[in-house]
């Protein structure tokens, strides 16, 4: 269980997790308070952002506490290793992509490395622990053969992987290197009748380009609400950065059209609403409100709150889990909205 944070400390955690927020705060934060913030930031996947801000603030302006300095030293060493791991993963991802292209298999890397490069001013703010490759479902067999030929072994069951359209590959010489092959970024078969985000949908959203702001934000929303059930703050930080990248009215219109096309209007309204309220980002809330709410959207917004997300691993974790489980049932039971052919 994570160290408990006061409401003021939770606000500071949000500020420290925001890549664009300044690295300033009052000097009355104790060493113990910073230790608690570091533990929560690590759990929520935003520790690299916090460590950068602490570095910018300067160790001389932090509490003079031996335990805090030792912890910071350990975490900074771990962050350096994580950056190296991300670079190694990127190398293998690029290597696999070249072989896929040579075999005429259309594919794209999504999530981690693309978010880091496209959405974050400091790429090290967004390390990643695997490489996600998306292909058309018809190409899954050929793509799996390519990945195997690149020195990876399948680490997931075949039948279940085909059902989920998600294959986990581990590098033979280093099992910490994970490559995931996807036929669809929505793995829950109960939800896939309503929403889908695959290679062809992303092509349609991008409209002849690659990794447009609309497609990146669509992926971030599906990642937060479709795959992980809001289990850490980093998911909403990706969405926050995606909203900031969505600068033109045309890009906003493309996002809303993408939500209709892929069936993620409920997810878009829910994720943008909680992200906007957590980070005080009015554009996210305004975008969320452009989706006409039905009963499922109203219920989803009521279930998914900032407190629910921040307290995933606190004394209130059971209440948080019940809310997130209820949200999953709302997703599964929600009726598909008609989309014009």
Protein backbone atom coordinates (compact mmCIF):
# COMPACT_ATOMS: atom_id res chain seq x y z
CA UNK A 1 0.00 0.00 0.00
CA UNK A 2 1.24 3.48 -0.87
CA UNK A 3 1.97 6.15 1.75
CA UNK A 4 -1.15 8.21 2.38
CA UNK A 5 -1.18 11.71 0.87
CA UNK A 6 -3.03 14.69 2.24
CA UNK A 7 -5.26 16.68 -0.17
CA UNK A 8 -2.48 19.28 -0.45
CA UNK A 9 0.06 16.57 -1.24
CA UNK A 10 -2.25 15.08 -3.88
CA UNK A 11 -2.43 18.50 -5.54
CA UNK A 12 1.36 18.69 -5.48
CA UNK A 13 1.60 15.19 -6.99
CA UNK A 14 -0.64 16.34 -9.86
CA UNK A 15 1.57 19.39 -10.40
CA UNK A 16 4.74 17.30 -10.34
CA UNK A 17 3.18 14.80 -12.79
CA UNK A 18 2.33 17.53 -15.32
CA UNK A 19 5.27 17.76 -17.77
CA UNK A 20 4.50 21.41 -18.53
CA UNK A 21 3.91 22.67 -14.98
CA UNK A 22 6.78 24.61 -13.37
CA UNK A 23 9.01 22.88 -10.83
CA UNK A 24 8.13 25.17 -7.96
CA UNK A 25 6.32 24.72 -4.67
CA UNK A 26 6.47 26.04 -1.14
CA UNK A 27 9.51 25.18 0.94
CA UNK A 28 7.46 23.62 3.75
CA UNK A 29 7.41 20.14 2.20
CA UNK A 30 9.17 17.83 4.62
CA UNK A 31 11.59 15.05 3.78
CA UNK A 32 8.92 12.53 4.76
CA UNK A 33 6.41 14.28 2.54
CA UNK A 34 8.78 14.13 -0.42
CA UNK A 35 9.45 10.44 0.25
CA UNK A 36 5.70 9.79 0.17
CA UNK A 37 5.37 11.77 -3.06
CA UNK A 38 8.23 9.83 -4.64
CA UNK A 39 6.59 6.50 -3.77
CA UNK A 40 3.26 7.60 -5.23
CA UNK A 41 4.93 9.03 -8.34
CA UNK A 42 6.79 5.77 -8.90
CA UNK A 43 3.60 3.71 -8.62
CA UNK A 44 1.72 6.03 -10.98
CA UNK A 45 4.41 6.00 -13.67
CA UNK A 46 5.24 9.71 -13.40
CA UNK A 47 8.48 9.41 -11.41
CA UNK A 48 10.73 10.47 -14.33
CA UNK A 49 8.87 13.79 -14.57
CA UNK A 50 9.16 14.36 -10.81
CA UNK A 51 12.88 13.49 -10.78
CA UNK A 52 13.52 15.95 -13.61
CA UNK A 53 11.70 18.69 -11.72
CA UNK A 54 13.58 17.96 -8.51
CA UNK A 55 16.82 18.17 -10.48
CA UNK A 56 15.74 21.50 -11.97
CA UNK A 57 14.88 22.78 -8.50
CA UNK A 58 18.31 21.71 -7.23
CA UNK A 59 19.22 19.40 -4.37
CA UNK A 60 20.35 22.38 -2.31
CA UNK A 61 16.71 23.50 -2.18
CA UNK A 62 15.46 20.14 -0.89
CA UNK A 63 15.28 19.11 2.79
CA UNK A 64 18.70 18.17 4.17
CA UNK A 65 17.85 14.57 5.02
CA UNK A 66 20.18 11.60 4.54
CA UNK A 67 17.40 9.08 3.87
CA UNK A 68 15.84 11.35 1.23
CA UNK A 69 19.16 11.88 -0.55
CA UNK A 70 19.87 8.14 -0.52
CA UNK A 71 16.43 7.42 -1.97
CA UNK A 72 16.88 10.06 -4.66
CA UNK A 73 20.25 8.58 -5.61
CA UNK A 74 18.72 5.10 -5.96
CA UNK A 75 15.77 6.35 -8.00
CA UNK A 76 17.99 8.39 -10.31
CA UNK A 77 20.14 5.32 -10.98
CA UNK A 78 16.99 3.31 -11.75
CA UNK A 79 15.79 6.07 -14.08
CA UNK A 80 19.07 5.95 -15.98
CA UNK A 81 18.67 2.18 -16.41
CA UNK A 82 15.06 2.68 -17.54
CA UNK A 83 16.20 5.16 -20.19
CA UNK A 84 18.77 2.65 -21.43
CA UNK A 85 16.10 -0.07 -21.51
CA UNK A 86 13.84 2.19 -23.57
CA UNK A 87 16.65 2.84 -26.05
CA UNK A 88 17.33 -0.89 -26.38
CA UNK A 89 13.63 -1.59 -26.91
CA UNK A 90 13.51 1.12 -29.57
CA UNK A 91 16.44 -0.51 -31.37
CA UNK A 92 14.69 -3.89 -31.48
CA UNK A 93 11.41 -2.27 -32.49
CA UNK A 94 13.07 -0.49 -35.41
CA UNK A 95 14.84 -3.71 -36.40
CA UNK A 96 11.57 -5.66 -36.48
CA UNK A 97 9.80 -2.89 -38.39
CA UNK A 98 12.47 -2.99 -41.13
CA UNK A 99 12.00 -6.74 -41.56
CA UNK A 100 8.19 -6.36 -41.60
CA UNK A 101 8.48 -3.72 -44.32
CA UNK A 102 10.88 -5.90 -46.32
CA UNK A 103 8.26 -8.65 -46.23
CA UNK A 104 5.50 -6.32 -47.39
CA UNK A 105 3.69 -6.30 -44.04
CA UNK A 106 2.16 -2.94 -43.15
CA UNK A 107 2.69 -2.16 -39.46
CA UNK A 108 3.15 0.73 -37.07
CA UNK A 109 4.65 1.15 -33.62
CA UNK A 110 2.14 2.69 -31.20
CA UNK A 111 2.01 4.04 -27.65
CA UNK A 112 5.28 4.28 -25.61
CA UNK A 113 8.06 5.39 -27.97
CA UNK A 114 5.69 7.35 -30.20
CA UNK A 115 4.15 9.17 -27.24
CA UNK A 116 7.63 9.97 -25.89
CA UNK A 117 8.77 11.39 -29.22
CA UNK A 118 5.60 13.18 -30.29
CA UNK A 119 3.88 14.33 -27.10
CA UNK A 120 6.63 15.06 -24.58
CA UNK A 121 9.16 17.90 -24.75
CA UNK A 122 11.56 15.73 -22.73
CA UNK A 123 11.42 12.20 -24.17
CA UNK A 124 12.89 10.80 -20.94
CA UNK A 125 9.70 11.93 -19.16
CA UNK A 126 7.94 9.00 -20.86
CA UNK A 127 9.99 5.79 -20.61
CA UNK A 128 8.38 2.58 -21.82
CA UNK A 129 8.73 -1.08 -20.91
CA UNK A 130 7.73 -2.72 -24.18
CA UNK A 131 7.26 -2.11 -27.89
CA UNK A 132 3.72 -2.29 -29.24
CA UNK A 133 3.36 -3.11 -32.93
CA UNK A 134 -0.03 -2.90 -34.65
CA UNK A 135 -0.84 -4.80 -37.85
CA UNK A 136 -3.98 -5.69 -39.77
CA UNK A 137 -5.50 -8.88 -38.27
CA UNK A 138 -5.02 -10.63 -41.61
CA UNK A 139 -1.25 -10.13 -41.26
CA UNK A 140 -0.88 -11.47 -37.73
CA UNK A 141 0.46 -14.89 -38.79
CA UNK A 142 3.11 -13.43 -41.09
CA UNK A 143 4.08 -10.77 -38.55
CA UNK A 144 4.48 -13.39 -35.81
CA UNK A 145 6.84 -15.33 -38.09
CA UNK A 146 8.91 -12.20 -38.64
CA UNK A 147 9.21 -11.47 -34.92
CA UNK A 148 10.21 -15.08 -34.26
CA UNK A 149 12.84 -14.77 -36.98
CA UNK A 150 14.21 -11.68 -35.23
CA UNK A 151 15.16 -13.75 -32.18
CA UNK A 152 12.04 -13.56 -30.01
CA UNK A 153 10.02 -16.37 -28.42
CA UNK A 154 6.28 -16.32 -27.80
CA UNK A 155 5.51 -15.73 -24.14
CA UNK A 156 1.71 -15.91 -24.34
CA UNK A 157 -0.71 -18.73 -25.11
CA UNK A 158 -1.62 -19.10 -28.76
CA UNK A 159 -5.38 -19.57 -28.48
CA UNK A 160 -5.84 -16.77 -25.96
CA UNK A 161 -3.55 -14.49 -27.95
CA UNK A 162 -5.63 -14.95 -31.10
CA UNK A 163 -8.81 -14.23 -29.15
CA UNK A 164 -7.36 -11.07 -27.61
CA UNK A 165 -5.42 -10.18 -30.80
CA UNK A 166 -2.38 -9.61 -28.59
CA UNK A 167 0.85 -11.64 -28.78
CA UNK A 168 3.66 -11.17 -26.24
CA UNK A 169 7.18 -11.87 -27.53
CA UNK A 170 10.31 -12.04 -25.36
CA UNK A 171 13.85 -11.63 -26.66
CA UNK A 172 15.71 -14.95 -26.40
CA UNK A 173 18.81 -13.54 -24.77
CA UNK A 174 17.06 -10.99 -22.55
CA UNK A 175 13.55 -11.80 -21.34
CA UNK A 176 13.11 -8.26 -20.01
CA UNK A 177 12.73 -7.09 -23.63
CA UNK A 178 9.06 -7.41 -24.53
CA UNK A 179 7.46 -6.84 -27.92
CA UNK A 180 3.68 -7.01 -28.19
CA UNK A 181 1.98 -7.60 -31.52
CA UNK A 182 -1.61 -6.37 -31.79
CA UNK A 183 -4.35 -6.90 -34.32
CA UNK A 184 -6.55 -4.50 -32.37
CA UNK A 185 -5.81 -2.20 -29.45
CA UNK A 186 -9.11 -3.22 -27.84
CA UNK A 187 -8.44 -6.65 -26.33
CA UNK A 188 -11.60 -7.14 -24.29
CA UNK A 189 -13.81 -9.25 -26.57
CA UNK A 190 -16.90 -8.14 -24.66
CA UNK A 191 -16.21 -4.52 -25.58
CA UNK A 192 -15.01 -5.10 -29.13
CA UNK A 193 -18.57 -5.40 -30.39
CA UNK A 194 -18.91 -1.66 -29.66
CA UNK A 195 -15.44 -0.19 -30.10
CA UNK A 196 -12.46 -1.08 -32.22
CA UNK A 197 -9.11 0.51 -32.89
CA UNK A 198 -7.00 -1.34 -35.39
CA UNK A 199 -4.56 -0.59 -38.18
CA UNK A 200 -7.21 0.42 -40.70
CA UNK A 201 -9.04 2.70 -38.26
CA UNK A 202 -5.80 4.53 -37.47
CA UNK A 203 -5.08 4.93 -41.17
CA UNK A 204 -8.51 6.48 -41.63
CA UNK A 205 -8.00 8.84 -38.68
CA UNK A 206 -4.56 9.91 -39.93
CA UNK A 207 -5.93 10.58 -43.42
CA UNK A 208 -2.74 9.83 -45.33
CA UNK A 209 -0.39 11.12 -42.62
CA UNK A 210 1.15 9.21 -39.71
CA UNK A 211 0.78 9.77 -35.97
CA UNK A 212 -1.42 12.84 -36.22
CA UNK A 213 -2.53 14.50 -32.96
CA UNK A 214 -6.02 13.02 -33.41
CA UNK A 215 -4.75 9.45 -33.77
CA UNK A 216 -2.28 9.81 -30.87
CA UNK A 217 -5.01 11.10 -28.56
CA UNK A 218 -7.40 8.36 -29.72
CA UNK A 219 -4.76 5.74 -28.86
CA UNK A 220 -4.09 7.37 -25.47
CA UNK A 221 -7.81 7.34 -24.64
CA UNK A 222 -8.21 3.67 -25.60
CA UNK A 223 -5.05 2.82 -23.65
CA UNK A 224 -6.39 4.51 -20.51
CA UNK A 225 -9.97 3.26 -20.62
CA UNK A 226 -9.86 0.16 -22.78
CA UNK A 227 -6.79 -1.65 -21.58
CA UNK A 228 -5.82 -0.59 -18.08
CA UNK A 229 -8.88 0.76 -16.30
CA UNK A 230 -7.21 3.94 -15.04
CA UNK A 231 -4.76 2.07 -12.83
CA UNK A 232 -2.13 4.83 -12.84
CA UNK A 233 -1.79 8.55 -13.38
CA UNK A 234 0.58 8.21 -16.35
CA UNK A 235 -2.35 7.17 -18.55
CA UNK A 236 -4.04 10.52 -17.99
CA UNK A 237 -0.75 12.40 -18.48
CA UNK A 238 -0.52 10.88 -21.97
CA UNK A 239 -4.06 12.12 -22.61
CA UNK A 240 -3.22 15.56 -21.21
CA UNK A 241 -0.26 15.86 -23.57
CA UNK A 242 -2.43 14.60 -26.42
CA UNK A 243 -4.96 17.37 -25.78
CA UNK A 244 -2.17 19.95 -25.79
CA UNK A 245 -0.92 18.62 -29.14
CA UNK A 246 -4.43 18.99 -30.58
CA UNK A 247 -3.96 22.64 -31.45
CA UNK A 248 -6.11 23.23 -34.53
CA UNK A 249 -9.93 23.15 -34.84
CA UNK A 250 -9.49 20.73 -37.73
CA UNK A 251 -7.63 18.34 -35.44
CA UNK A 252 -10.40 18.56 -32.84
CA UNK A 253 -12.99 17.80 -35.52
CA UNK A 254 -10.91 14.82 -36.66
CA UNK A 255 -10.75 13.53 -33.08
CA UNK A 256 -14.52 13.69 -32.64
CA UNK A 257 -15.04 11.98 -35.99
CA UNK A 258 -12.54 9.30 -34.93
CA UNK A 259 -14.52 8.75 -31.73
CA UNK A 260 -17.70 8.20 -33.74
CA UNK A 261 -15.98 5.93 -36.24
CA UNK A 262 -14.25 3.73 -33.65
CA UNK A 263 -17.12 3.72 -31.16
CA UNK A 264 -15.15 5.28 -28.30
CA UNK A 265 -17.41 8.25 -27.57
CA UNK A 266 -18.09 6.96 -24.05
CA UNK A 267 -14.36 6.48 -23.41
CA UNK A 268 -13.47 9.86 -24.91
CA UNK A 269 -16.01 11.71 -22.78
CA UNK A 270 -14.95 9.86 -19.62
CA UNK A 271 -11.17 10.07 -20.02
CA UNK A 272 -11.11 13.70 -21.14
CA UNK A 273 -13.44 14.66 -18.29
CA UNK A 274 -11.33 13.10 -15.53
CA UNK A 275 -8.06 14.31 -17.10
CA UNK A 276 -9.36 17.85 -17.44
CA UNK A 277 -10.53 17.94 -13.83
CA UNK A 278 -7.34 16.38 -12.43
CA UNK A 279 -5.02 18.77 -14.25
CA UNK A 280 -7.33 21.79 -14.45
CA UNK A 281 -7.28 21.65 -18.26
CA UNK A 282 -10.48 23.34 -19.53
CA UNK A 283 -9.94 22.28 -23.16
CA UNK A 284 -10.12 18.61 -22.14
CA UNK A 285 -13.39 19.21 -20.30
CA UNK A 286 -14.79 21.22 -23.23
CA UNK A 287 -13.92 18.40 -25.64
CA UNK A 288 -15.51 15.85 -23.32
CA UNK A 289 -18.69 17.92 -23.21
CA UNK A 290 -18.94 17.92 -27.00
CA UNK A 291 -20.05 14.29 -26.77
CA UNK A 292 -23.80 14.29 -26.14
CA UNK A 293 -24.19 12.42 -22.85
CA UNK A 294 -26.46 9.42 -22.58
CA UNK A 295 -27.07 7.38 -19.43
CA UNK A 296 -23.87 5.32 -19.84
CA UNK A 297 -21.70 8.43 -20.23
CA UNK A 298 -23.26 10.12 -17.21
CA UNK A 299 -22.71 6.99 -15.14
CA UNK A 300 -19.12 6.60 -16.39
CA UNK A 301 -18.26 10.19 -15.46
CA UNK A 302 -19.73 9.63 -12.00
CA UNK A 303 -17.68 6.47 -11.50
CA UNK A 304 -14.33 7.70 -12.83
CA UNK A 305 -13.07 10.58 -10.72
CA UNK A 306 -9.68 11.97 -9.81
CA UNK A 307 -9.93 10.59 -6.28
CA UNK A 308 -10.69 7.13 -7.66
CA UNK A 309 -7.57 7.26 -9.83
CA UNK A 310 -5.22 8.72 -7.23
CA UNK A 311 -6.23 6.18 -4.59
CA UNK A 312 -5.84 3.00 -6.60
CA UNK A 313 -3.36 1.65 -4.04
CA UNK A 314 -4.39 3.46 -0.85
CA UNK A 315 -6.69 2.70 2.06
CA UNK A 316 -9.54 3.45 -0.37
CA UNK A 317 -8.24 0.98 -2.96
CA UNK A 318 -11.28 -1.31 -2.63
CA UNK A 319 -13.64 1.57 -3.36
CA UNK A 320 -11.43 2.56 -6.30
CA UNK A 321 -11.44 -0.98 -7.64
CA UNK A 322 -15.22 -1.29 -7.35
CA UNK A 323 -15.64 1.97 -9.27
CA UNK A 324 -13.27 0.86 -12.01
CA UNK A 325 -14.87 -2.60 -12.24
CA UNK A 326 -18.29 -0.97 -12.49
CA UNK A 327 -16.95 1.25 -15.26
CA UNK A 328 -15.83 -1.84 -17.18
CA UNK A 329 -19.36 -3.24 -16.98
CA UNK A 330 -20.74 0.09 -18.22
CA UNK A 331 -18.39 -0.22 -21.19
CA UNK A 332 -19.50 -3.76 -21.95
CA UNK A 333 -23.21 -3.04 -21.61
CA UNK A 334 -23.27 0.32 -23.40
CA UNK A 335 -25.16 0.26 -26.67
CA UNK A 336 -23.22 1.08 -29.83
CA UNK A 337 -24.06 4.49 -31.27
CA UNK A 338 -25.02 4.48 -34.95
CA UNK A 339 -22.27 5.57 -37.32
CA UNK A 340 -23.19 6.58 -40.90
CA UNK A 341 -21.86 4.25 -43.57
